[in-house]
Each structure stands twice: as C-alpha cells, then as structure tokens.
Amino acid sequence: MGFLDAFRKKPQALAVQELKFQDILPWARKQAEAGMGQARKRAEDMCSTVISRLNQVTDRVKRLEEKQLEGSDRVMVAANMVKASYVKKAAGLEMPEPLPSGPAYSDITGFHDAANKYLDGLEGTTPKQAIVLTNYFAEDGKAVIEGIKEARAAMENFRIFLDNDAKVLAEYERLESLADRHASLLRDNTAAAQLAQAQASEIGRLRKDLAKANEDLARLEKDEAYVRLQRAQEKLAQLAGAAESSRAQASALLSSYERPLKKLAYLAAREGRKDAEQEINGFLKSDPAAAGTRLPALLQKAKSLDMQKVLTMRELAKLDGLAQDAGALDGLQKAVAAMQSEMRAAEAAVQANAGILARIEAARNSAEAVRQKLQALEKDVADAELAKQTALAEAEQVREESRKAAESLSGRKLRLV
C-alpha cells in the first residue's frame, strides 16, 4: 500500500435499509422497477422474434404442402406420402399465444414452454423424412429445415434471457407470493386466536359442569339408600360364598360314596328293584346340601339289597360310615337353609333400594359424557396451539425469505423492524 493510499477517499458502503414487513413489497417494486420494465420489454421483443420465426417456418411448410413430385414410380409416390405425413403433423400443432402487455414471469415461461413444444413438433422429423424433404423437395424442404434452425436459435437466446435478465421478474413474483403467504398465515392465526378464545370459554364452562356432575355423583353415593344397598349387596355376596362353601363340603363328603352307590344302583336295576334304583339315583343327583334329608330313605333301600354281591369289603365298610356322616350332612343342610333365608332378606333389601342405582348410573354417565367432551376439546386446543406455533415459525421463515428476495432485487442490505 502506497503512502498516498491512506489519504484517498474510500467508497462508502450503502447503509442498511430498515423496513417494516408490510412495506417490503412496494419498496422492492420501486427499487427494481426499472430492471423489471427492461426485462418485460425485452421479453416482448424476444417473443415477437420467436413468433416471427415460427410463422416463417409455418409459411414454408404451407408452400411445401403445395409441392407435388410428378411421376408414378414408387420412389416419387413414397416421397409424396412422406411429405404429406410431415405437413399433416405440422398442421396439427398449436401456435403459442403472444405475451400480454406487461407480462409476468409466469407468462414469459409459459410462452417459452408453448413455443418449445411447437418447435419440437416441427423439428420432430424422422431421419427418413429429413432425407426426403432435403433431397426430393430441395428448395422448399431445405427452407423448412433452415427455418427450424433459425427458430431454434431464437429460442436459445430466449432461454439465456430467462436464465439471466428475466430473473428479476421471477424474484419479484416470488416476493409477491411470499407476501401473500405471510398475509394468509396471519389471517389464519387471527381466526385461530378467535376460536381459541371461544374454546377457552367452553373449556371453563365444561370444567364447571364436570365439577357439578361429580358433586351430584358423590352426593348420591353417600345417600342412605345407596349405603343400605351396598351393605345388602356385600352381605348377599358373603352369604352366597358361605353357602357355596357348605355345598362344597357336602359334595366332598359324599364323593367317596359315589362309586359304591352307583354299584348298588346297577344291582337294583339288574334285580328289577326300580324303587331302590330310583332312590339311589335320586340321591346321587340331588343337591349335596340337601343330601341329609334323603339319607334315611337311601340307607333303607340300600339295606334291602344284597350289597355283598357287588361291593367289596372295603366298600361295605365305607358305606356303613354314611350313617355316621348323616349328622354332618344334616348340619350343613340346616346351615345352607339358614343362609338362603338370610339371602332372601338381603335380596329384598337390594330390591327395595335398587332405585338409587339408576340415578347413580345416570349421574356417572352424565359426568363421563362431560369429561369426554372436555378431553376432546382440550386436545383440539393443544393441537391448535401446535399448529399456531408451526404457523408462526413458518411466518418467520417467510419474513426471512422475503428479506433475502428484496435484497436480491435491490442490491441493498435490509433489516426488518
């Protein structure tokens, strides 16, 4: 660095431009207005050039259509057919529409795509068609091919323009789209905030309703009728368990007599003693708790049979013990009968207080319905809050992308305030 360089005036860097977000679009439009106007004017000029080239090719194809090779040999006939096929294909192509005044970038790219499609159709000759057009329809065929090349060159210039000078239009359209998206996000968030306020009020109301429903349920569950009902149900369950236990004891006591008694029933049937057979089988099928009542008649019938014919000494000795167990069976039977009497009283108490059950069930259903509605609404609110945070993050991203797009358009540094 030279001595004098220290005293030379250095270029001042442009100050950072501070803007509110709502001002960024008109500011960027003003900054890029000249460049966008030039780009639109150039696009219109290039569009006119391309259409002119395509019209020239179309006119040449029409002149080619009028040409007909003379002669009836196969070569001439085939050449005329190939030419006719190409002309027919070209006639079916759709010429692109000119650009509107002051075209947007999307209009320009749309024209470019349509022109390319039209040109691809004209250019899409097979090798056989190209040879026929240039060799047999020399002047007109070559004119078509040359016109296509000229149109293709114009389209190449158009492509270069799109990739460079037209980008200012693309960037501005992108900035417009970002501004629209930001506005849409803000509208959605405003609507969501209003809905959230209404939902918050509804949640408060539902919570009060749920508290009231729970209070009603608690009051019913403390009602004297419900207390009596619960006590009766508990007693009924205890008695049923005790009765079942007594039956199980009687059943266990009688199980060891089942085999010898079945043998005696078989003996009675074989000897035609229907009375004894029926008595024994009736005893075997009866409720174990009621066996004590039928025991005397059973023993009488059993003794009237010649038991030694079918029973072993051990079984005879076992059967003798049946009389000794009569007292135990009788005690179990009386206990079950007493329990059944108490159970009937408990069942009567349950029936007398059963009306409270319907009221409690209705209260529980009411509380559950409110709870489910509240739970669903709270989930909706949580989902809405998540969507809100996502939208806010997207809005912030849109702001940042808009700032960068505006910087690209203006060549200035921006800070959103």
Protein backbone atom coordinates (compact mmCIF):
# COMPACT_ATOMS: atom_id res chain seq x y z
CA MET A 1 0.00 0.00 0.00
CA GLY A 2 1.43 3.36 -1.14
CA PHE A 3 1.88 6.37 1.08
CA LEU A 4 -0.87 8.36 -0.64
CA ASP A 5 -3.36 5.47 -0.48
CA ALA A 6 -4.07 6.26 3.14
CA PHE A 7 -5.37 9.71 2.14
CA ARG A 8 -7.53 8.57 -0.78
CA LYS A 9 -11.30 8.66 -0.19
CA LYS A 10 -12.73 5.16 0.13
CA PRO A 11 -16.19 4.36 -1.31
CA GLN A 12 -18.91 4.47 1.33
CA ALA A 13 -20.84 1.23 1.89
CA LEU A 14 -24.59 1.60 1.50
CA ALA A 15 -26.37 1.92 4.82
CA VAL A 16 -28.58 -0.92 5.92
CA GLN A 17 -32.18 -0.14 4.98
CA GLU A 18 -34.68 -0.63 7.81
CA LEU A 19 -38.21 -1.58 6.76
CA LYS A 20 -41.44 -2.82 8.23
CA PHE A 21 -42.50 -6.08 6.68
CA GLN A 22 -45.70 -4.62 5.20
CA ASP A 23 -43.56 -2.04 3.34
CA ILE A 24 -41.13 -4.52 1.82
CA LEU A 25 -43.13 -5.31 -1.33
CA PRO A 26 -43.77 -1.71 -2.51
CA TRP A 27 -40.19 -0.79 -1.58
CA ALA A 28 -38.74 -3.70 -3.57
CA ARG A 29 -41.03 -2.90 -6.52
CA LYS A 30 -39.77 0.69 -6.53
CA GLN A 31 -36.14 -0.42 -6.31
CA ALA A 32 -36.45 -2.98 -9.12
CA GLU A 33 -39.00 -1.13 -11.25
CA ALA A 34 -36.52 -0.08 -13.93
CA GLY A 35 -34.96 -3.54 -14.21
CA MET A 36 -38.36 -5.21 -14.37
CA GLY A 37 -39.55 -2.79 -17.04
CA GLN A 38 -36.50 -3.51 -19.17
CA ALA A 39 -36.95 -7.26 -18.67
CA ARG A 40 -40.62 -7.11 -19.71
CA LYS A 41 -39.77 -5.02 -22.79
CA ARG A 42 -37.04 -7.41 -23.80
CA ALA A 43 -39.33 -10.39 -23.22
CA GLU A 44 -41.97 -8.85 -25.50
CA ASP A 45 -39.33 -8.20 -28.19
CA MET A 46 -37.96 -11.73 -27.96
CA CYS A 47 -41.47 -13.15 -28.03
CA SER A 48 -42.17 -11.23 -31.23
CA THR A 49 -38.93 -12.55 -32.73
CA VAL A 50 -39.78 -16.15 -31.84
CA ILE A 51 -43.33 -15.87 -33.21
CA SER A 52 -41.95 -14.33 -36.40
CA ARG A 53 -39.52 -17.24 -36.81
CA LEU A 54 -42.26 -19.79 -36.14
CA ASN A 55 -44.60 -18.08 -38.62
CA GLN A 56 -41.85 -18.21 -41.24
CA VAL A 57 -41.49 -21.95 -40.71
CA THR A 58 -45.27 -22.38 -40.86
CA ASP A 59 -45.43 -20.45 -44.15
CA ARG A 60 -42.66 -22.58 -45.60
CA VAL A 61 -44.47 -25.74 -44.56
CA LYS A 62 -47.60 -24.45 -46.35
CA ARG A 63 -45.55 -23.82 -49.51
CA LEU A 64 -44.10 -27.31 -49.16
CA GLU A 65 -47.65 -28.66 -48.97
CA GLU A 66 -48.37 -27.27 -52.43
CA LYS A 67 -45.39 -29.06 -53.96
CA GLN A 68 -46.07 -32.42 -55.54
CA LEU A 69 -43.49 -34.63 -57.23
CA GLU A 70 -44.50 -35.69 -60.72
CA GLY A 71 -44.30 -39.33 -61.70
CA SER A 72 -45.91 -42.58 -60.72
CA ASP A 73 -42.91 -44.69 -59.80
CA ARG A 74 -42.66 -45.98 -56.27
CA VAL A 75 -39.96 -43.54 -55.18
CA MET A 76 -41.96 -40.47 -56.18
CA VAL A 77 -45.16 -41.83 -54.64
CA ALA A 78 -43.35 -42.69 -51.40
CA ALA A 79 -41.70 -39.23 -51.25
CA ASN A 80 -45.07 -37.51 -51.70
CA MET A 81 -46.54 -39.65 -48.90
CA VAL A 82 -43.66 -38.84 -46.52
CA LYS A 83 -44.01 -35.12 -47.26
CA ALA A 84 -47.79 -35.27 -46.77
CA SER A 85 -47.33 -37.01 -43.41
CA TYR A 86 -44.99 -34.28 -42.18
CA VAL A 87 -47.25 -31.48 -43.41
CA LYS A 88 -50.27 -33.04 -41.70
CA LYS A 89 -48.35 -33.34 -38.43
CA ALA A 90 -47.21 -29.69 -38.64
CA ALA A 91 -50.78 -28.52 -39.34
CA GLY A 92 -51.96 -30.13 -36.11
CA LEU A 93 -49.56 -28.14 -33.93
CA GLU A 94 -50.83 -25.27 -31.77
CA MET A 95 -49.07 -21.93 -32.25
CA PRO A 96 -48.21 -20.23 -28.91
CA GLU A 97 -50.18 -17.12 -27.94
CA PRO A 98 -48.29 -13.79 -27.83
CA LEU A 99 -47.38 -12.35 -24.44
CA PRO A 100 -49.86 -9.99 -22.76
CA SER A 101 -48.85 -6.39 -22.19
CA GLY A 102 -46.54 -6.02 -19.17
CA PRO A 103 -46.09 -9.79 -18.82
CA ALA A 104 -45.35 -11.52 -15.54
CA TYR A 105 -42.54 -14.04 -15.26
CA SER A 106 -45.07 -16.89 -15.31
CA ASP A 107 -46.47 -15.54 -18.62
CA ILE A 108 -42.97 -15.48 -20.10
CA THR A 109 -42.08 -19.02 -19.00
CA GLY A 110 -45.50 -20.22 -20.21
CA PHE A 111 -44.83 -18.75 -23.65
CA HIS A 112 -41.34 -20.28 -23.67
CA ASP A 113 -42.74 -23.74 -22.90
CA ALA A 114 -45.51 -23.44 -25.53
CA ALA A 115 -43.06 -22.23 -28.19
CA ASN A 116 -40.67 -25.05 -27.39
CA LYS A 117 -43.49 -27.57 -27.70
CA TYR A 118 -44.49 -26.13 -31.09
CA LEU A 119 -40.91 -26.10 -32.31
CA ASP A 120 -40.30 -29.64 -31.07
CA GLY A 121 -43.29 -30.73 -33.16
CA LEU A 122 -41.90 -29.04 -36.29
CA GLU A 123 -38.42 -30.32 -35.61
CA GLY A 124 -39.53 -33.86 -34.86
CA THR A 125 -38.81 -35.28 -38.32
CA THR A 126 -37.59 -38.82 -38.67
CA PRO A 127 -34.27 -39.38 -40.50
CA LYS A 128 -36.28 -40.69 -43.46
CA GLN A 129 -38.47 -37.53 -43.52
CA ALA A 130 -35.42 -35.25 -43.32
CA ILE A 131 -33.75 -37.02 -46.27
CA VAL A 132 -36.93 -36.89 -48.35
CA LEU A 133 -37.55 -33.19 -47.59
CA THR A 134 -34.00 -32.11 -48.44
CA ASN A 135 -33.37 -34.43 -51.41
CA TYR A 136 -36.73 -34.59 -53.19
CA PHE A 137 -38.18 -31.22 -52.22
CA ALA A 138 -34.82 -29.49 -52.31
CA GLU A 139 -35.54 -25.76 -52.15
CA ASP A 140 -38.73 -25.83 -50.08
CA GLY A 141 -37.61 -28.73 -47.90
CA LYS A 142 -34.31 -27.08 -47.09
CA ALA A 143 -36.13 -23.81 -46.39
CA VAL A 144 -38.24 -25.59 -43.76
CA ILE A 145 -35.19 -27.17 -42.13
CA GLU A 146 -33.30 -23.85 -42.19
CA GLY A 147 -36.32 -22.02 -40.73
CA ILE A 148 -36.46 -24.50 -37.87
CA LYS A 149 -32.77 -23.86 -37.13
CA GLU A 150 -33.37 -20.10 -37.09
CA ALA A 151 -36.33 -20.52 -34.75
CA ARG A 152 -34.28 -22.79 -32.51
CA ALA A 153 -31.53 -20.13 -32.35
CA ALA A 154 -34.13 -17.54 -31.30
CA MET A 155 -35.38 -19.93 -28.62
CA GLU A 156 -31.84 -20.42 -27.33
CA ASN A 157 -31.49 -16.65 -26.92
CA PHE A 158 -34.85 -16.69 -25.13
CA ARG A 159 -33.57 -19.40 -22.76
CA ILE A 160 -30.43 -17.40 -21.96
CA PHE A 161 -32.65 -14.39 -21.24
CA LEU A 162 -34.80 -16.45 -18.86
CA ASP A 163 -31.73 -17.69 -17.02
CA ASN A 164 -30.32 -14.17 -16.57
CA ASP A 165 -32.13 -10.86 -17.11
CA ALA A 166 -35.63 -12.28 -16.54
CA LYS A 167 -34.70 -13.45 -13.04
CA VAL A 168 -35.62 -10.03 -11.66
CA LEU A 169 -39.24 -10.77 -12.62
CA ALA A 170 -39.06 -14.24 -11.11
CA GLU A 171 -37.66 -12.86 -7.88
CA TYR A 172 -40.37 -10.20 -7.66
CA GLU A 173 -43.13 -12.77 -8.29
CA ARG A 174 -41.58 -14.90 -5.57
CA LEU A 175 -41.64 -11.90 -3.24
CA GLU A 176 -45.33 -11.33 -4.07
CA SER A 177 -46.06 -14.99 -3.37
CA LEU A 178 -44.23 -14.77 -0.03
CA ALA A 179 -46.21 -11.65 0.91
CA ASP A 180 -49.48 -13.44 0.08
CA ARG A 181 -48.40 -16.46 2.11
CA HIS A 182 -47.49 -14.27 5.08
CA ALA A 183 -50.85 -12.50 4.92
CA SER A 184 -52.62 -15.87 4.73
CA LEU A 185 -50.74 -17.13 7.79
CA LEU A 186 -51.66 -14.00 9.74
CA ARG A 187 -55.34 -14.35 8.76
CA ASP A 188 -55.32 -18.00 9.80
CA ASN A 189 -53.68 -17.13 13.11
CA THR A 190 -56.21 -14.37 13.77
CA ALA A 191 -59.07 -16.79 13.11
CA ALA A 192 -57.35 -19.42 15.26
CA ALA A 193 -56.94 -16.91 18.12
CA GLN A 194 -60.65 -16.07 18.00
CA LEU A 195 -61.52 -19.76 18.01
CA ALA A 196 -59.10 -20.38 20.90
CA GLN A 197 -60.82 -17.66 22.92
CA ALA A 198 -64.20 -19.28 22.33
CA GLN A 199 -62.77 -22.71 23.16
CA ALA A 200 -61.25 -21.38 26.39
CA SER A 201 -64.69 -20.15 27.46
CA GLU A 202 -66.21 -23.51 26.55
CA ILE A 203 -63.50 -25.36 28.49
CA GLY A 204 -64.22 -23.23 31.57
CA ARG A 205 -67.93 -24.00 31.28
CA LEU A 206 -67.30 -27.73 30.84
CA ARG A 207 -64.99 -27.83 33.85
CA LYS A 208 -67.74 -26.27 35.97
CA ASP A 209 -70.23 -28.78 34.55
CA LEU A 210 -67.88 -31.66 35.35
CA ALA A 211 -67.34 -30.44 38.90
CA LYS A 212 -71.11 -30.17 39.37
CA ALA A 213 -71.66 -33.66 37.89
CA ASN A 214 -69.00 -35.12 40.21
CA GLU A 215 -70.61 -33.40 43.20
CA ASP A 216 -74.00 -34.84 42.27
CA LEU A 217 -72.48 -38.31 41.92
CA ALA A 218 -70.67 -38.04 45.27
CA ARG A 219 -73.89 -36.93 46.98
CA LEU A 220 -75.81 -39.90 45.54
CA GLU A 221 -73.07 -42.31 46.58
CA LYS A 222 -73.43 -41.05 50.17
CA ASP A 223 -77.22 -41.39 50.10
CA GLU A 224 -78.59 -43.66 52.83
CA ALA A 225 -80.41 -45.79 50.26
CA TYR A 226 -77.15 -46.44 48.42
CA VAL A 227 -75.36 -47.24 51.70
CA ARG A 228 -78.09 -49.77 52.57
CA LEU A 229 -77.88 -51.19 49.07
CA GLN A 230 -74.12 -51.65 49.29
CA ARG A 231 -74.39 -53.34 52.68
CA ALA A 232 -77.10 -55.67 51.37
CA GLN A 233 -75.01 -56.50 48.31
CA GLU A 234 -71.95 -57.18 50.45
CA LYS A 235 -73.96 -59.43 52.80
CA LEU A 236 -75.52 -61.21 49.83
CA ALA A 237 -72.09 -61.89 48.37
CA GLN A 238 -70.80 -63.17 51.74
CA LEU A 239 -73.81 -65.47 52.21
CA ALA A 240 -73.53 -66.79 48.66
CA GLY A 241 -69.87 -67.58 49.28
CA ALA A 242 -70.61 -69.29 52.58
CA ALA A 243 -73.46 -71.34 51.05
CA GLU A 244 -71.22 -72.40 48.21
CA SER A 245 -68.56 -73.41 50.73
CA SER A 246 -71.11 -75.57 52.62
CA ARG A 247 -72.19 -77.23 49.39
CA ALA A 248 -68.55 -77.89 48.56
CA GLN A 249 -68.05 -79.55 51.96
CA ALA A 250 -71.13 -81.73 51.47
CA SER A 251 -70.01 -82.62 47.96
CA ALA A 252 -66.54 -83.55 49.21
CA LEU A 253 -68.10 -85.66 51.97
CA LEU A 254 -70.34 -87.55 49.54
CA SER A 255 -67.81 -88.01 46.75
CA SER A 256 -66.22 -91.04 48.43
CA TYR A 257 -69.64 -92.78 48.45
CA GLU A 258 -70.36 -92.25 44.77
CA ARG A 259 -68.71 -95.43 43.47
CA PRO A 260 -70.38 -97.94 45.86
CA LEU A 261 -73.77 -96.23 45.43
CA LYS A 262 -73.52 -96.47 41.64
CA LYS A 263 -72.78 -100.17 42.03
CA LEU A 264 -75.89 -100.57 44.18
CA ALA A 265 -77.98 -98.71 41.59
CA TYR A 266 -76.67 -101.14 38.98
CA LEU A 267 -77.56 -104.09 41.26
CA ALA A 268 -81.07 -102.71 41.84
CA ALA A 269 -81.63 -102.31 38.11
CA ARG A 270 -80.35 -105.81 37.41
CA GLU A 271 -82.68 -107.32 40.02
CA GLY A 272 -85.65 -105.23 38.91
CA ARG A 273 -85.75 -103.12 42.04
CA LYS A 274 -86.96 -99.89 40.43
CA ASP A 275 -87.79 -98.31 43.79
CA ALA A 276 -84.27 -98.82 45.09
CA GLU A 277 -82.70 -97.78 41.76
CA GLN A 278 -84.71 -94.53 41.64
CA GLU A 279 -83.93 -93.72 45.27
CA ILE A 280 -80.19 -94.23 44.83
CA ASN A 281 -80.01 -92.28 41.53
CA GLY A 282 -82.15 -89.51 43.00
CA PHE A 283 -79.75 -89.23 45.93
CA LEU A 284 -76.72 -89.09 43.60
CA LYS A 285 -78.28 -86.27 41.52
CA SER A 286 -79.62 -84.22 44.43
CA ASP A 287 -78.10 -81.02 45.84
CA PRO A 288 -75.29 -82.11 48.21
CA ALA A 289 -76.60 -79.63 50.77
CA ALA A 290 -79.97 -81.45 50.80
CA ALA A 291 -78.47 -84.96 50.97
CA GLY A 292 -79.12 -85.29 54.71
CA THR A 293 -82.90 -85.23 54.13
CA ARG A 294 -82.78 -88.14 51.68
CA LEU A 295 -80.22 -90.14 53.61
CA PRO A 296 -82.62 -92.28 55.77
CA ALA A 297 -84.61 -93.46 52.76
CA LEU A 298 -81.38 -94.20 50.90
CA LEU A 299 -79.98 -96.32 53.71
CA GLN A 300 -83.26 -98.25 53.97
CA LYS A 301 -83.24 -99.09 50.26
CA ALA A 302 -79.55 -99.96 50.32
CA LYS A 303 -80.01 -102.41 53.18
CA SER A 304 -82.83 -104.14 51.30
CA LEU A 305 -80.33 -105.11 48.59
CA ASP A 306 -77.80 -107.92 48.78
CA MET A 307 -74.90 -105.47 48.84
CA GLN A 308 -72.28 -108.18 49.12
CA LYS A 309 -72.95 -109.20 45.53
CA VAL A 310 -71.40 -106.04 44.13
CA LEU A 311 -69.49 -104.30 46.91
CA THR A 312 -66.07 -105.12 48.21
CA MET A 313 -65.45 -105.44 51.93
CA ARG A 314 -63.83 -102.04 51.90
CA GLU A 315 -66.82 -100.51 50.12
CA LEU A 316 -69.22 -102.18 52.56
CA ALA A 317 -67.27 -100.71 55.45
CA LYS A 318 -67.23 -97.33 53.71
CA LEU A 319 -70.99 -97.42 53.16
CA ASP A 320 -71.50 -98.10 56.87
CA GLY A 321 -69.85 -94.76 57.53
CA LEU A 322 -72.55 -92.99 55.54
CA ALA A 323 -74.92 -93.25 58.51
CA GLN A 324 -72.27 -91.74 60.74
CA ASP A 325 -71.94 -88.76 58.35
CA ALA A 326 -75.67 -88.11 58.44
CA GLY A 327 -75.23 -85.67 61.32
CA ALA A 328 -72.63 -83.66 59.45
CA LEU A 329 -74.75 -83.57 56.30
CA ASP A 330 -77.79 -82.56 58.30
CA GLY A 331 -75.81 -79.72 59.91
CA LEU A 332 -74.63 -78.49 56.52
CA GLN A 333 -78.16 -78.63 55.16
CA LYS A 334 -79.51 -76.55 58.05
CA ALA A 335 -76.68 -74.04 57.64
CA VAL A 336 -77.40 -73.63 53.91
CA ALA A 337 -81.13 -73.26 54.61
CA ALA A 338 -80.41 -70.53 57.17
CA MET A 339 -78.12 -68.78 54.72
CA GLN A 340 -80.73 -68.96 51.99
CA SER A 341 -83.25 -67.33 54.32
CA GLU A 342 -80.79 -64.51 55.05
CA MET A 343 -80.02 -64.21 51.32
CA ARG A 344 -83.70 -63.73 50.55
CA ALA A 345 -83.81 -60.96 53.13
CA ALA A 346 -80.68 -59.36 51.62
CA GLU A 347 -82.13 -59.65 48.11
CA ALA A 348 -85.29 -57.93 49.33
CA ALA A 349 -83.14 -55.11 50.74
CA VAL A 350 -81.33 -54.81 47.40
CA GLN A 351 -84.62 -54.62 45.52
CA ALA A 352 -86.02 -52.08 47.96
CA ASN A 353 -83.09 -49.75 47.39
CA ALA A 354 -82.45 -50.54 43.71
CA GLY A 355 -83.92 -47.23 42.52
CA ILE A 356 -80.79 -45.38 43.64
CA LEU A 357 -78.72 -47.43 41.19
CA ALA A 358 -80.44 -45.94 38.14
CA ARG A 359 -79.88 -42.44 39.49
CA ILE A 360 -76.21 -43.15 40.20
CA GLU A 361 -75.73 -44.72 36.76
CA ALA A 362 -77.32 -41.68 35.11
CA ALA A 363 -75.07 -39.37 37.15
CA ARG A 364 -71.97 -41.38 36.19
CA ASN A 365 -72.94 -41.33 32.51
CA SER A 366 -73.53 -37.60 32.68
CA ALA A 367 -70.16 -36.96 34.31
CA GLU A 368 -68.41 -39.25 31.81
CA ALA A 369 -70.04 -37.51 28.83
CA VAL A 370 -68.88 -34.12 30.10
CA ARG A 371 -65.40 -35.49 30.82
CA GLN A 372 -65.05 -36.92 27.31
CA LYS A 373 -66.27 -33.69 25.72
CA LEU A 374 -63.83 -31.70 27.84
CA GLN A 375 -60.99 -34.06 27.00
CA ALA A 376 -61.71 -33.81 23.26
CA LEU A 377 -61.87 -30.01 23.41
CA GLU A 378 -58.62 -29.80 25.37
CA LYS A 379 -56.97 -31.99 22.72
CA ASP A 380 -58.30 -29.69 19.99
CA VAL A 381 -56.85 -26.71 21.83
CA ALA A 382 -53.48 -28.44 22.22
CA ASP A 383 -53.46 -29.35 18.52
CA ALA A 384 -54.41 -25.78 17.61
CA GLU A 385 -51.60 -24.41 19.75
CA LEU A 386 -49.13 -26.70 18.00
CA ALA A 387 -50.48 -25.57 14.62
CA LYS A 388 -50.18 -21.95 15.76
CA GLN A 389 -46.54 -22.37 16.74
CA THR A 390 -45.85 -24.10 13.42
CA ALA A 391 -47.55 -21.26 11.53
CA LEU A 392 -45.61 -18.63 13.48
CA ALA A 393 -42.36 -20.41 12.67
CA GLU A 394 -43.36 -20.54 9.01
CA ALA A 395 -44.30 -16.85 9.08
CA GLU A 396 -40.88 -16.02 10.48
CA GLN A 397 -39.27 -18.11 7.75
CA VAL A 398 -41.38 -16.27 5.14
CA ARG A 399 -40.21 -12.94 6.56
CA GLU A 400 -36.59 -14.02 6.27
CA GLU A 401 -37.03 -15.32 2.71
CA SER A 402 -38.82 -12.09 1.78
CA ARG A 403 -35.94 -10.03 3.16
CA LYS A 404 -33.44 -12.01 1.10
CA ALA A 405 -35.59 -11.71 -2.04
CA ALA A 406 -35.88 -7.93 -1.56
CA GLU A 407 -32.12 -7.69 -1.05
CA SER A 408 -31.58 -9.62 -4.27
CA LEU A 409 -33.92 -7.28 -6.17
CA SER A 410 -32.49 -4.04 -4.77
CA GLY A 411 -28.85 -4.84 -4.13
CA ARG A 412 -29.32 -3.29 -0.67
CA LYS A 413 -28.98 -4.78 2.78
CA LEU A 414 -32.25 -4.87 4.69
CA ARG A 415 -33.26 -5.19 8.32
CA LEU A 416 -36.88 -5.81 9.17
CA VAL A 417 -38.18 -3.84 12.13
